Amino acid sequence: MNVDIIAVPLPRTERADAGRNRRAILSAAERLFTERGPDVALGEIAAAAGLGRGTLHRHFPTRGDL
């Protein structure tokens, strides 16, 4: 008997550090948007979260995603 095996990708789980980074970004964004309005620079949000701009854009590619 010939049996074909179909590979089904497993769902990816978020790494612990990636989850912490995402939460830090969201927390900083919420605080800065509340304090200063929606025009806060994304670089300022990244800095307030203690992260680089690349990390912010990896999680939230556009302002709308954030």
C-alpha atoms as a PDB file:
ATOM      1  CA  MET A   1       0.000   0.000   0.000  1.00  0.00           C
ATOM      2  CA  ASN A   2       1.350   3.415  -1.007  1.00  0.00           C
ATOM      3  CA  VAL A   3       0.462   6.196   1.443  1.00  0.00           C
ATOM      4  CA  ASP A   4       1.203   9.849   0.725  1.00  0.00           C
ATOM      5  CA  ILE A   5       1.941  12.035   3.716  1.00  0.00           C
ATOM      6  CA  ILE A   6       0.682  15.574   3.522  1.00  0.00           C
ATOM      7  CA  ALA A   7       2.691  18.117   5.479  1.00  0.00           C
ATOM      8  CA  VAL A   8       0.447  20.452   7.429  1.00  0.00           C
ATOM      9  CA  PRO A   9       2.210  23.493   8.843  1.00  0.00           C
ATOM     10  CA  LEU A  10       1.873  23.886  12.588  1.00  0.00           C
ATOM     11  CA  PRO A  11       0.676  27.229  13.905  1.00  0.00           C
ATOM     12  CA  ARG A  12       3.565  29.404  15.007  1.00  0.00           C
ATOM     13  CA  THR A  13       3.690  30.412  18.605  1.00  0.00           C
ATOM     14  CA  GLU A  14       5.044  33.793  19.542  1.00  0.00           C
ATOM     15  CA  ARG A  15       8.408  33.810  21.302  1.00  0.00           C
ATOM     16  CA  ALA A  16       8.341  35.175  24.845  1.00  0.00           C
ATOM     17  CA  ASP A  17      10.587  38.138  23.997  1.00  0.00           C
ATOM     18  CA  ALA A  18       8.474  39.007  20.961  1.00  0.00           C
ATOM     19  CA  GLY A  19       5.358  39.028  23.155  1.00  0.00           C
ATOM     20  CA  ARG A  20       7.065  41.316  25.681  1.00  0.00           C
ATOM     21  CA  ASN A  21       8.157  43.649  22.886  1.00  0.00           C
ATOM     22  CA  ARG A  22       4.652  43.782  21.409  1.00  0.00           C
ATOM     23  CA  ARG A  23       3.136  44.567  24.812  1.00  0.00           C
ATOM     24  CA  ALA A  24       5.771  47.255  25.484  1.00  0.00           C
ATOM     25  CA  ILE A  25       5.030  48.910  22.135  1.00  0.00           C
ATOM     26  CA  LEU A  26       1.277  48.858  22.708  1.00  0.00           C
ATOM     27  CA  SER A  27       1.657  50.245  26.225  1.00  0.00           C
ATOM     28  CA  ALA A  28       3.952  53.065  25.080  1.00  0.00           C
ATOM     29  CA  ALA A  29       1.687  53.857  22.120  1.00  0.00           C
ATOM     30  CA  GLU A  30      -1.412  54.014  24.293  1.00  0.00           C
ATOM     31  CA  ARG A  31       0.311  56.337  26.769  1.00  0.00           C
ATOM     32  CA  LEU A  32       1.782  58.656  24.126  1.00  0.00           C
ATOM     33  CA  PHE A  33      -1.376  58.775  22.003  1.00  0.00           C
ATOM     34  CA  THR A  34      -3.373  59.662  25.127  1.00  0.00           C
ATOM     35  CA  GLU A  35      -0.894  62.342  26.222  1.00  0.00           C
ATOM     36  CA  ARG A  36      -0.049  63.877  22.835  1.00  0.00           C
ATOM     37  CA  GLY A  37      -2.573  62.742  20.256  1.00  0.00           C
ATOM     38  CA  PRO A  38      -2.366  60.536  17.173  1.00  0.00           C
ATOM     39  CA  ASP A  39       0.504  62.395  15.478  1.00  0.00           C
ATOM     40  CA  VAL A  40       3.241  61.021  17.759  1.00  0.00           C
ATOM     41  CA  ALA A  41       6.207  59.818  15.705  1.00  0.00           C
ATOM     42  CA  LEU A  42       6.583  56.056  15.590  1.00  0.00           C
ATOM     43  CA  GLY A  43      10.247  56.456  16.504  1.00  0.00           C
ATOM     44  CA  GLU A  44       9.191  58.146  19.737  1.00  0.00           C
ATOM     45  CA  ILE A  45       6.900  55.229  20.535  1.00  0.00           C
ATOM     46  CA  ALA A  46       9.724  52.762  19.915  1.00  0.00           C
ATOM     47  CA  ALA A  47      12.069  54.776  22.149  1.00  0.00           C
ATOM     48  CA  ALA A  48       9.448  55.017  24.908  1.00  0.00           C
ATOM     49  CA  ALA A  49       9.079  51.238  24.748  1.00  0.00           C
ATOM     50  CA  GLY A  50      12.851  50.841  25.049  1.00  0.00           C
ATOM     51  CA  LEU A  51      13.065  49.297  21.581  1.00  0.00           C
ATOM     52  CA  GLY A  52      14.372  50.206  18.148  1.00  0.00           C
ATOM     53  CA  ARG A  53      12.292  51.369  15.211  1.00  0.00           C
ATOM     54  CA  GLY A  54      12.948  48.080  13.418  1.00  0.00           C
ATOM     55  CA  THR A  55      11.329  46.119  16.218  1.00  0.00           C
ATOM     56  CA  LEU A  56       8.285  48.380  16.162  1.00  0.00           C
ATOM     57  CA  HIS A  57       7.942  48.034  12.381  1.00  0.00           C
ATOM     58  CA  ARG A  58       8.406  44.250  12.549  1.00  0.00           C
ATOM     59  CA  HIS A  59       5.329  44.017  14.760  1.00  0.00           C
ATOM     60  CA  PHE A  60       3.370  46.936  13.276  1.00  0.00           C
ATOM     61  CA  PRO A  61       4.483  47.686   9.683  1.00  0.00           C
ATOM     62  CA  THR A  62       2.251  50.776   9.405  1.00  0.00           C
ATOM     63  CA  ARG A  63       0.722  53.335  11.733  1.00  0.00           C
ATOM     64  CA  GLY A  64      -2.663  51.849  10.904  1.00  0.00           C
ATOM     65  CA  ASP A  65      -1.513  48.415  12.103  1.00  0.00           C
ATOM     66  CA  LEU A  66      -0.531  49.961  15.425  1.00  0.00           C
END
